[in-house]
Amino acid sequence: MKDSENVDPRNKLNTLSGREWIRFTKSWFIADGKPSDISHEIDLHPASFPPSMIEDFIKFFTKPGEKVLDPFLGTGSTLVACENTGRLGRGIELYSKYAKTAKSRTKFPVHEGDLRKILPTLKNESFSLCITSPPYWRILKKKKDYNQQERLDKGLDLQYGQNPLDLGMIEDKEDFLHELVKIFANIHSLLSSEAHLVVFIQNVRDKGEMIPLAFELPLRLNKWYKFLGEKVWLQNQKTLRPYGYPYSFVSNVHHHFGLIFKKRMLEVQIK
């Protein structure tokens, strides 16, 4: 893929034409993944996303040759997208089985282990973009539904794993958000002055009500990042299920929020 050569000289962010720029700013998009994006090894991960989708974000928020970080790497789609767009990628993945798959898909560095210990080792790096999808709290630990049964029948993972360092293992919502915010606060110092952060996340159903994770996260990150808005990722091919029928409204959640932030320059405290 080649970025457009018809670039406004005032555009310091990317190498897109005006038409390409405006097209990206649409607040929703449909992405179900190409067959070439999905293999059994990649689909084994319970929350993978297509590289072709991530490429559009990378091309908007970076220029060729700039660095991109994914701290919740999974099977490596972000690094594949970096290769496809001429950017330099680096990822961190807790689980060995997913890190192994990521390493087989890309030439870029894949750090295996606890990101909270790995992030400080990257202190000399400067990333133009951090784009990632953390666990959606403990959604994968919930009672099995139709979709999970289908994955079970195919021999696919229902959870990432049982590692206590996995944020998806945290039971309390406040504890989960506290840990997630700490991670993005620590990433702040690894980002260049004009860098962006993109976080894919969902509001999740828990004990009969929707928990607005995607709405709470921007408020909690406000000290470190300016919230610019969201792009809603629609999954049009997902099967509709009779949740709640015929007693109560229960939505079929077929979308994710791509929350878009820009790094704030923190004031230096003079003692």
C-alpha atoms as a PDB file:
ATOM      1  CA  MET A   1       0.000   0.000   0.000  1.00  0.00           C
ATOM      2  CA  LYS A   2       1.251   3.468  -0.886  1.00  0.00           C
ATOM      3  CA  ASP A   3       0.202   6.629   0.851  1.00  0.00           C
ATOM      4  CA  SER A   4      -0.929   9.364  -1.509  1.00  0.00           C
ATOM      5  CA  GLU A   5       1.659  11.748  -2.926  1.00  0.00           C
ATOM      6  CA  ASN A   6      -0.926  14.534  -3.177  1.00  0.00           C
ATOM      7  CA  VAL A   7      -0.328  15.959   0.305  1.00  0.00           C
ATOM      8  CA  ASP A   8      -1.097  19.467   1.522  1.00  0.00           C
ATOM      9  CA  PRO A   9       2.238  21.064   2.560  1.00  0.00           C
ATOM     10  CA  ARG A  10       0.596  22.143   5.839  1.00  0.00           C
ATOM     11  CA  ASN A  11      -0.139  18.517   6.747  1.00  0.00           C
ATOM     12  CA  LYS A  12       2.471  17.463   9.309  1.00  0.00           C
ATOM     13  CA  LEU A  13       0.548  14.436  10.593  1.00  0.00           C
ATOM     14  CA  ASN A  14       0.422  11.982   7.696  1.00  0.00           C
ATOM     15  CA  THR A  15       0.822  11.572   3.938  1.00  0.00           C
ATOM     16  CA  LEU A  16      -2.861  11.448   3.000  1.00  0.00           C
ATOM     17  CA  SER A  17      -4.637  13.575   0.430  1.00  0.00           C
ATOM     18  CA  GLY A  18      -7.507  15.795   1.538  1.00  0.00           C
ATOM     19  CA  ARG A  19     -10.020  13.282   0.194  1.00  0.00           C
ATOM     20  CA  GLU A  20      -8.362  10.417   2.096  1.00  0.00           C
ATOM     21  CA  TRP A  21      -8.172  12.536   5.263  1.00  0.00           C
ATOM     22  CA  ILE A  22     -11.866  13.429   5.196  1.00  0.00           C
ATOM     23  CA  ARG A  23     -12.902   9.849   4.428  1.00  0.00           C
ATOM     24  CA  PHE A  24     -11.145   8.604   7.565  1.00  0.00           C
ATOM     25  CA  THR A  25     -12.931  11.122   9.811  1.00  0.00           C
ATOM     26  CA  LYS A  26     -16.280   9.380   9.334  1.00  0.00           C
ATOM     27  CA  SER A  27     -17.297   8.324  12.837  1.00  0.00           C
ATOM     28  CA  TRP A  28     -18.124   4.704  11.974  1.00  0.00           C
ATOM     29  CA  PHE A  29     -16.859   1.977   9.674  1.00  0.00           C
ATOM     30  CA  ILE A  30     -17.592  -1.678   8.930  1.00  0.00           C
ATOM     31  CA  ALA A  31     -14.779  -4.203   9.220  1.00  0.00           C
ATOM     32  CA  ASP A  32     -15.345  -7.947   9.361  1.00  0.00           C
ATOM     33  CA  GLY A  33     -11.871  -9.017   8.256  1.00  0.00           C
ATOM     34  CA  LYS A  34     -10.661 -10.528   4.997  1.00  0.00           C
ATOM     35  CA  PRO A  35     -10.266 -14.309   4.691  1.00  0.00           C
ATOM     36  CA  SER A  36      -6.515 -13.719   4.331  1.00  0.00           C
ATOM     37  CA  ASP A  37      -6.483 -12.074   7.776  1.00  0.00           C
ATOM     38  CA  ILE A  38      -7.810 -15.148   9.528  1.00  0.00           C
ATOM     39  CA  SER A  39      -6.147 -18.508  10.060  1.00  0.00           C
ATOM     40  CA  HIS A  40      -6.933 -21.047  12.762  1.00  0.00           C
ATOM     41  CA  GLU A  41      -3.824 -19.949  14.668  1.00  0.00           C
ATOM     42  CA  ILE A  42      -4.863 -16.287  14.574  1.00  0.00           C
ATOM     43  CA  ASP A  43      -8.559 -17.009  15.175  1.00  0.00           C
ATOM     44  CA  LEU A  44      -7.507 -19.006  18.252  1.00  0.00           C
ATOM     45  CA  HIS A  45      -7.142 -15.625  19.979  1.00  0.00           C
ATOM     46  CA  PRO A  46     -10.603 -14.671  21.333  1.00  0.00           C
ATOM     47  CA  ALA A  47     -10.303 -10.972  20.418  1.00  0.00           C
ATOM     48  CA  SER A  48      -8.200 -10.613  17.273  1.00  0.00           C
ATOM     49  CA  PHE A  49      -8.709  -7.802  14.786  1.00  0.00           C
ATOM     50  CA  PRO A  50      -7.879  -7.543  11.075  1.00  0.00           C
ATOM     51  CA  PRO A  51      -4.600  -5.844  10.059  1.00  0.00           C
ATOM     52  CA  SER A  52      -6.412  -4.173   7.156  1.00  0.00           C
ATOM     53  CA  MET A  53      -8.511  -2.248   9.675  1.00  0.00           C
ATOM     54  CA  ILE A  54      -5.515  -1.111  11.719  1.00  0.00           C
ATOM     55  CA  GLU A  55      -3.688   0.027   8.585  1.00  0.00           C
ATOM     56  CA  ASP A  56      -6.154   2.889   8.124  1.00  0.00           C
ATOM     57  CA  PHE A  57      -5.462   4.208  11.630  1.00  0.00           C
ATOM     58  CA  ILE A  58      -1.708   3.871  11.209  1.00  0.00           C
ATOM     59  CA  LYS A  59      -1.777   5.722   7.891  1.00  0.00           C
ATOM     60  CA  PHE A  60      -3.785   8.569   9.423  1.00  0.00           C
ATOM     61  CA  PHE A  61      -1.822   9.063  12.655  1.00  0.00           C
ATOM     62  CA  THR A  62       1.740   8.434  11.402  1.00  0.00           C
ATOM     63  CA  LYS A  63       4.056   8.909   8.467  1.00  0.00           C
ATOM     64  CA  PRO A  64       6.151   6.144   6.839  1.00  0.00           C
ATOM     65  CA  GLY A  65       9.140   5.247   8.989  1.00  0.00           C
ATOM     66  CA  GLU A  66       7.579   6.373  12.278  1.00  0.00           C
ATOM     67  CA  LYS A  67       7.216   4.065  15.268  1.00  0.00           C
ATOM     68  CA  VAL A  68       4.034   2.372  16.478  1.00  0.00           C
ATOM     69  CA  LEU A  69       3.506   0.574  19.812  1.00  0.00           C
ATOM     70  CA  ASP A  70       0.928  -2.068  20.714  1.00  0.00           C
ATOM     71  CA  PRO A  71       1.197  -3.067  24.415  1.00  0.00           C
ATOM     72  CA  PHE A  72      -1.618  -5.674  24.195  1.00  0.00           C
ATOM     73  CA  LEU A  73      -0.354  -7.260  21.001  1.00  0.00           C
ATOM     74  CA  GLY A  74      -2.211 -10.562  20.844  1.00  0.00           C
ATOM     75  CA  THR A  75      -1.312 -12.407  17.642  1.00  0.00           C
ATOM     76  CA  GLY A  76       0.403  -9.418  16.059  1.00  0.00           C
ATOM     77  CA  SER A  77      -2.106  -7.746  13.728  1.00  0.00           C
ATOM     78  CA  THR A  78      -0.752  -4.272  14.534  1.00  0.00           C
ATOM     79  CA  LEU A  79       2.786  -5.266  13.550  1.00  0.00           C
ATOM     80  CA  VAL A  80       1.539  -6.818  10.313  1.00  0.00           C
ATOM     81  CA  ALA A  81      -0.242  -3.533   9.593  1.00  0.00           C
ATOM     82  CA  CYS A  82       3.009  -1.664  10.283  1.00  0.00           C
ATOM     83  CA  GLU A  83       4.866  -3.785   7.753  1.00  0.00           C
ATOM     84  CA  ASN A  84       2.119  -3.273   5.176  1.00  0.00           C
ATOM     85  CA  THR A  85       2.276   0.521   5.585  1.00  0.00           C
ATOM     86  CA  GLY A  86       6.026   1.067   5.953  1.00  0.00           C
ATOM     87  CA  ARG A  87       6.013   1.906   9.666  1.00  0.00           C
ATOM     88  CA  LEU A  88       8.177   0.491  12.466  1.00  0.00           C
ATOM     89  CA  GLY A  89       6.254  -1.634  14.940  1.00  0.00           C
ATOM     90  CA  ARG A  90       6.904  -2.939  18.440  1.00  0.00           C
ATOM     91  CA  GLY A  91       4.561  -5.064  20.535  1.00  0.00           C
ATOM     92  CA  ILE A  92       4.168  -6.607  23.977  1.00  0.00           C
ATOM     93  CA  GLU A  93       2.209  -9.793  24.667  1.00  0.00           C
ATOM     94  CA  LEU A  94       1.730 -11.589  27.981  1.00  0.00           C
ATOM     95  CA  TYR A  95       0.890 -15.072  26.701  1.00  0.00           C
ATOM     96  CA  SER A  96       3.541 -17.227  25.032  1.00  0.00           C
ATOM     97  CA  LYS A  97       1.179 -18.915  22.564  1.00  0.00           C
ATOM     98  CA  TYR A  98       0.025 -15.586  21.119  1.00  0.00           C
ATOM     99  CA  ALA A  99       3.508 -14.071  21.180  1.00  0.00           C
ATOM    100  CA  LYS A 100       4.748 -17.081  19.213  1.00  0.00           C
ATOM    101  CA  THR A 101       2.108 -16.505  16.546  1.00  0.00           C
ATOM    102  CA  ALA A 102       2.940 -12.778  16.421  1.00  0.00           C
ATOM    103  CA  LYS A 103       6.645 -13.529  15.953  1.00  0.00           C
ATOM    104  CA  SER A 104       5.817 -15.856  13.070  1.00  0.00           C
ATOM    105  CA  ARG A 105       3.866 -13.084  11.320  1.00  0.00           C
ATOM    106  CA  THR A 106       6.274 -10.161  11.576  1.00  0.00           C
ATOM    107  CA  LYS A 107       9.922  -9.108  11.574  1.00  0.00           C
ATOM    108  CA  PHE A 108       9.320  -6.457  14.240  1.00  0.00           C
ATOM    109  CA  PRO A 109      10.181  -6.923  17.936  1.00  0.00           C
ATOM    110  CA  VAL A 110       7.682  -8.849  20.049  1.00  0.00           C
ATOM    111  CA  HIS A 111       8.338  -8.619  23.798  1.00  0.00           C
ATOM    112  CA  GLU A 112       6.861 -11.496  25.763  1.00  0.00           C
ATOM    113  CA  GLY A 113       5.813 -10.968  29.378  1.00  0.00           C
ATOM    114  CA  ASP A 114       4.262  -8.458  31.764  1.00  0.00           C
ATOM    115  CA  LEU A 115       3.993  -5.101  29.979  1.00  0.00           C
ATOM    116  CA  ARG A 116       4.283  -3.262  33.301  1.00  0.00           C
ATOM    117  CA  LYS A 117       7.852  -4.532  33.575  1.00  0.00           C
ATOM    118  CA  ILE A 118       8.661  -4.212  29.873  1.00  0.00           C
ATOM    119  CA  LEU A 119       7.481  -0.617  29.328  1.00  0.00           C
ATOM    120  CA  PRO A 120      10.282   0.927  31.476  1.00  0.00           C
ATOM    121  CA  THR A 121      12.874  -0.838  29.283  1.00  0.00           C
ATOM    122  CA  LEU A 122      11.581   1.157  26.288  1.00  0.00           C
ATOM    123  CA  LYS A 123      12.299   4.541  27.905  1.00  0.00           C
ATOM    124  CA  ASN A 124      14.682   5.561  25.104  1.00  0.00           C
ATOM    125  CA  GLU A 125      12.055   4.935  22.413  1.00  0.00           C
ATOM    126  CA  SER A 126       9.752   7.587  20.960  1.00  0.00           C
ATOM    127  CA  PHE A 127       6.503   6.365  19.391  1.00  0.00           C
ATOM    128  CA  SER A 128       4.234   8.439  17.179  1.00  0.00           C
ATOM    129  CA  LEU A 129       1.260   6.175  17.844  1.00  0.00           C
ATOM    130  CA  CYS A 130       0.122   3.666  20.427  1.00  0.00           C
ATOM    131  CA  ILE A 131      -2.781   1.610  19.095  1.00  0.00           C
ATOM    132  CA  THR A 132      -4.124  -1.343  21.037  1.00  0.00           C
ATOM    133  CA  SER A 133      -7.061  -3.305  22.385  1.00  0.00           C
ATOM    134  CA  PRO A 134      -6.806  -4.240  26.079  1.00  0.00           C
ATOM    135  CA  PRO A 135      -9.004  -6.892  27.704  1.00  0.00           C
ATOM    136  CA  TYR A 136     -12.590  -5.730  28.025  1.00  0.00           C
ATOM    137  CA  TRP A 137     -12.478  -6.244  31.802  1.00  0.00           C
ATOM    138  CA  ARG A 138     -13.581  -9.821  32.683  1.00  0.00           C
ATOM    139  CA  ILE A 139     -16.016 -10.217  29.793  1.00  0.00           C
ATOM    140  CA  LEU A 140     -14.346 -13.466  28.671  1.00  0.00           C
ATOM    141  CA  LYS A 141     -14.843 -15.035  32.122  1.00  0.00           C
ATOM    142  CA  LYS A 142     -18.622 -14.700  31.951  1.00  0.00           C
ATOM    143  CA  LYS A 143     -21.063 -17.571  31.646  1.00  0.00           C
ATOM    144  CA  LYS A 144     -20.904 -19.108  28.170  1.00  0.00           C
ATOM    145  CA  ASP A 145     -23.231 -17.675  25.510  1.00  0.00           C
ATOM    146  CA  TYR A 146     -24.007 -18.719  21.948  1.00  0.00           C
ATOM    147  CA  ASN A 147     -20.832 -17.241  20.485  1.00  0.00           C
ATOM    148  CA  GLN A 148     -18.597 -18.832  23.086  1.00  0.00           C
ATOM    149  CA  GLN A 149     -20.198 -22.217  22.492  1.00  0.00           C
ATOM    150  CA  GLU A 150     -19.405 -21.905  18.793  1.00  0.00           C
ATOM    151  CA  ARG A 151     -15.761 -21.154  19.616  1.00  0.00           C
ATOM    152  CA  LEU A 152     -15.680 -24.110  22.020  1.00  0.00           C
ATOM    153  CA  ASP A 153     -17.049 -26.401  19.301  1.00  0.00           C
ATOM    154  CA  LYS A 154     -14.250 -25.235  16.970  1.00  0.00           C
ATOM    155  CA  GLY A 155     -11.551 -25.797  19.607  1.00  0.00           C
ATOM    156  CA  LEU A 156     -10.816 -22.069  19.931  1.00  0.00           C
ATOM    157  CA  ASP A 157      -9.847 -20.221  23.105  1.00  0.00           C
ATOM    158  CA  LEU A 158     -12.619 -18.716  25.215  1.00  0.00           C
ATOM    159  CA  GLN A 159     -10.197 -16.766  27.412  1.00  0.00           C
ATOM    160  CA  TYR A 160      -6.686 -15.477  26.893  1.00  0.00           C
ATOM    161  CA  GLY A 161      -5.494 -17.690  29.734  1.00  0.00           C
ATOM    162  CA  GLN A 162      -5.322 -17.877  33.525  1.00  0.00           C
ATOM    163  CA  ASN A 163      -2.265 -15.714  34.180  1.00  0.00           C
ATOM    164  CA  PRO A 164      -2.971 -13.513  37.249  1.00  0.00           C
ATOM    165  CA  LEU A 165      -1.123 -10.655  35.489  1.00  0.00           C
ATOM    166  CA  ASP A 166      -3.842 -10.649  32.816  1.00  0.00           C
ATOM    167  CA  LEU A 167      -6.098  -7.592  33.292  1.00  0.00           C
ATOM    168  CA  GLY A 168      -8.992  -9.767  32.135  1.00  0.00           C
ATOM    169  CA  MET A 169      -8.657 -11.777  35.360  1.00  0.00           C
ATOM    170  CA  ILE A 170      -9.434  -8.757  37.581  1.00  0.00           C
ATOM    171  CA  GLU A 171     -12.834  -9.163  39.244  1.00  0.00           C
ATOM    172  CA  ASP A 172     -13.533  -5.607  40.413  1.00  0.00           C
ATOM    173  CA  LYS A 173     -14.289  -2.995  37.750  1.00  0.00           C
ATOM    174  CA  GLU A 174     -12.614  -0.167  39.653  1.00  0.00           C
ATOM    175  CA  ASP A 175      -9.450  -2.221  40.104  1.00  0.00           C
ATOM    176  CA  PHE A 176      -9.471  -3.041  36.387  1.00  0.00           C
ATOM    177  CA  LEU A 177      -9.814   0.585  35.313  1.00  0.00           C
ATOM    178  CA  HIS A 178      -7.189   1.677  37.833  1.00  0.00           C
ATOM    179  CA  GLU A 179      -4.647  -0.759  36.376  1.00  0.00           C
ATOM    180  CA  LEU A 180      -5.540   0.137  32.784  1.00  0.00           C
ATOM    181  CA  VAL A 181      -5.190   3.867  33.420  1.00  0.00           C
ATOM    182  CA  LYS A 182      -1.809   3.314  35.111  1.00  0.00           C
ATOM    183  CA  ILE A 183      -0.571   1.485  32.021  1.00  0.00           C
ATOM    184  CA  PHE A 184      -1.589   4.275  29.643  1.00  0.00           C
ATOM    185  CA  ALA A 185      -0.162   6.866  32.037  1.00  0.00           C
ATOM    186  CA  ASN A 186       3.185   5.049  31.875  1.00  0.00           C
ATOM    187  CA  ILE A 187       3.009   4.891  28.080  1.00  0.00           C
ATOM    188  CA  HIS A 188       2.619   8.699  27.999  1.00  0.00           C
ATOM    189  CA  SER A 189       6.369   9.249  28.458  1.00  0.00           C
ATOM    190  CA  LEU A 190       7.154   6.895  25.556  1.00  0.00           C
ATOM    191  CA  LEU A 191       5.157   8.969  23.086  1.00  0.00           C
ATOM    192  CA  SER A 192       6.469  11.871  21.029  1.00  0.00           C
ATOM    193  CA  SER A 193       5.064  15.340  21.718  1.00  0.00           C
ATOM    194  CA  GLU A 194       2.419  15.166  18.957  1.00  0.00           C
ATOM    195  CA  ALA A 195       1.635  11.456  19.343  1.00  0.00           C
ATOM    196  CA  HIS A 196      -1.779   9.819  19.447  1.00  0.00           C
ATOM    197  CA  LEU A 197      -3.265   6.938  21.408  1.00  0.00           C
ATOM    198  CA  VAL A 198      -6.037   4.742  19.973  1.00  0.00           C
ATOM    199  CA  VAL A 199      -7.784   2.275  22.292  1.00  0.00           C
ATOM    200  CA  PHE A 200     -10.371  -0.236  21.097  1.00  0.00           C
ATOM    201  CA  ILE A 201     -12.813  -1.159  23.849  1.00  0.00           C
ATOM    202  CA  GLN A 202     -16.482  -2.007  24.420  1.00  0.00           C
ATOM    203  CA  ASN A 203     -19.133  -1.269  26.970  1.00  0.00           C
ATOM    204  CA  VAL A 204     -19.814  -4.660  28.546  1.00  0.00           C
ATOM    205  CA  ARG A 205     -22.854  -6.363  30.017  1.00  0.00           C
ATOM    206  CA  ASP A 206     -22.487  -7.527  33.600  1.00  0.00           C
ATOM    207  CA  LYS A 207     -25.225  -8.863  35.884  1.00  0.00           C
ATOM    208  CA  GLY A 208     -28.043  -7.479  33.785  1.00  0.00           C
ATOM    209  CA  GLU A 209     -26.690  -3.984  33.078  1.00  0.00           C
ATOM    210  CA  MET A 210     -24.281  -2.346  30.670  1.00  0.00           C
ATOM    211  CA  ILE A 211     -21.026  -1.135  32.205  1.00  0.00           C
ATOM    212  CA  PRO A 212     -19.821   1.943  30.241  1.00  0.00           C
ATOM    213  CA  LEU A 213     -16.087   1.207  30.071  1.00  0.00           C
ATOM    214  CA  ALA A 214     -15.763   3.087  26.776  1.00  0.00           C
ATOM    215  CA  PHE A 215     -17.370   6.159  28.299  1.00  0.00           C
ATOM    216  CA  GLU A 216     -15.429   6.080  31.566  1.00  0.00           C
ATOM    217  CA  LEU A 217     -11.950   5.618  30.110  1.00  0.00           C
ATOM    218  CA  PRO A 218     -11.661   9.060  28.429  1.00  0.00           C
ATOM    219  CA  LEU A 219     -12.608  10.758  31.708  1.00  0.00           C
ATOM    220  CA  ARG A 220      -9.965   8.834  33.621  1.00  0.00           C
ATOM    221  CA  LEU A 221      -7.225   9.481  31.063  1.00  0.00           C
ATOM    222  CA  ASN A 222      -7.894  13.205  30.852  1.00  0.00           C
ATOM    223  CA  LYS A 223      -4.790  14.187  32.850  1.00  0.00           C
ATOM    224  CA  TRP A 224      -2.455  12.594  30.287  1.00  0.00           C
ATOM    225  CA  TYR A 225      -4.455  12.629  27.038  1.00  0.00           C
ATOM    226  CA  LYS A 226      -6.893  14.913  25.251  1.00  0.00           C
ATOM    227  CA  PHE A 227      -9.919  12.957  24.040  1.00  0.00           C
ATOM    228  CA  LEU A 228     -10.524  13.727  20.341  1.00  0.00           C
ATOM    229  CA  GLY A 229     -13.487  11.436  19.667  1.00  0.00           C
ATOM    230  CA  GLU A 230     -14.162   7.929  18.472  1.00  0.00           C
ATOM    231  CA  LYS A 231     -14.550   5.771  15.404  1.00  0.00           C
ATOM    232  CA  VAL A 232     -17.125   3.038  15.922  1.00  0.00           C
ATOM    233  CA  TRP A 233     -16.089  -0.313  14.458  1.00  0.00           C
ATOM    234  CA  LEU A 234     -19.181  -2.187  13.245  1.00  0.00           C
ATOM    235  CA  GLN A 235     -19.149  -5.961  12.747  1.00  0.00           C
ATOM    236  CA  ASN A 236     -21.923  -6.502  10.243  1.00  0.00           C
ATOM    237  CA  GLN A 237     -21.480 -10.243   9.779  1.00  0.00           C
ATOM    238  CA  LYS A 238     -22.001 -11.279  13.393  1.00  0.00           C
ATOM    239  CA  THR A 239     -25.043 -13.455  13.994  1.00  0.00           C
ATOM    240  CA  LEU A 240     -28.059 -11.974  15.767  1.00  0.00           C
ATOM    241  CA  ARG A 241     -28.965 -13.867  18.941  1.00  0.00           C
ATOM    242  CA  PRO A 242     -32.281 -13.901  20.848  1.00  0.00           C
ATOM    243  CA  TYR A 243     -30.835 -12.328  23.983  1.00  0.00           C
ATOM    244  CA  GLY A 244     -33.612 -11.311  26.412  1.00  0.00           C
ATOM    245  CA  TYR A 245     -36.449 -12.536  24.199  1.00  0.00           C
ATOM    246  CA  PRO A 246     -39.336 -12.377  25.008  1.00  0.00           C
ATOM    247  CA  TYR A 247     -38.912 -10.663  28.366  1.00  0.00           C
ATOM    248  CA  SER A 248     -36.437  -7.787  28.213  1.00  0.00           C
ATOM    249  CA  PHE A 249     -34.323  -5.678  25.870  1.00  0.00           C
ATOM    250  CA  VAL A 250     -30.784  -7.037  25.639  1.00  0.00           C
ATOM    251  CA  SER A 251     -28.705  -5.606  22.798  1.00  0.00           C
ATOM    252  CA  ASN A 252     -26.676  -7.637  20.344  1.00  0.00           C
ATOM    253  CA  VAL A 253     -23.385  -5.780  20.740  1.00  0.00           C
ATOM    254  CA  HIS A 254     -21.816  -5.778  17.287  1.00  0.00           C
ATOM    255  CA  HIS A 255     -19.577  -2.751  17.661  1.00  0.00           C
ATOM    256  CA  HIS A 256     -16.399  -1.568  19.362  1.00  0.00           C
ATOM    257  CA  PHE A 257     -15.307   1.965  20.188  1.00  0.00           C
ATOM    258  CA  GLY A 258     -11.991   3.117  18.767  1.00  0.00           C
ATOM    259  CA  LEU A 259     -11.241   5.891  21.265  1.00  0.00           C
ATOM    260  CA  ILE A 260      -8.842   8.480  19.859  1.00  0.00           C
ATOM    261  CA  PHE A 261      -6.602  10.556  22.138  1.00  0.00           C
ATOM    262  CA  LYS A 262      -3.738  13.007  21.706  1.00  0.00           C
ATOM    263  CA  LYS A 263      -0.897  13.264  24.176  1.00  0.00           C
ATOM    264  CA  ARG A 264      -1.064  16.209  26.576  1.00  0.00           C
ATOM    265  CA  MET A 265       2.144  17.976  27.498  1.00  0.00           C
ATOM    266  CA  LEU A 266       2.282  17.774  31.288  1.00  0.00           C
ATOM    267  CA  GLU A 267       3.406  20.778  33.256  1.00  0.00           C
ATOM    268  CA  VAL A 268       6.734  20.301  35.024  1.00  0.00           C
ATOM    269  CA  GLN A 269       6.328  20.791  38.727  1.00  0.00           C
ATOM    270  CA  ILE A 270       9.035  23.132  40.053  1.00  0.00           C
ATOM    271  CA  LYS A 271       9.836  22.488  43.693  1.00  0.00           C
END
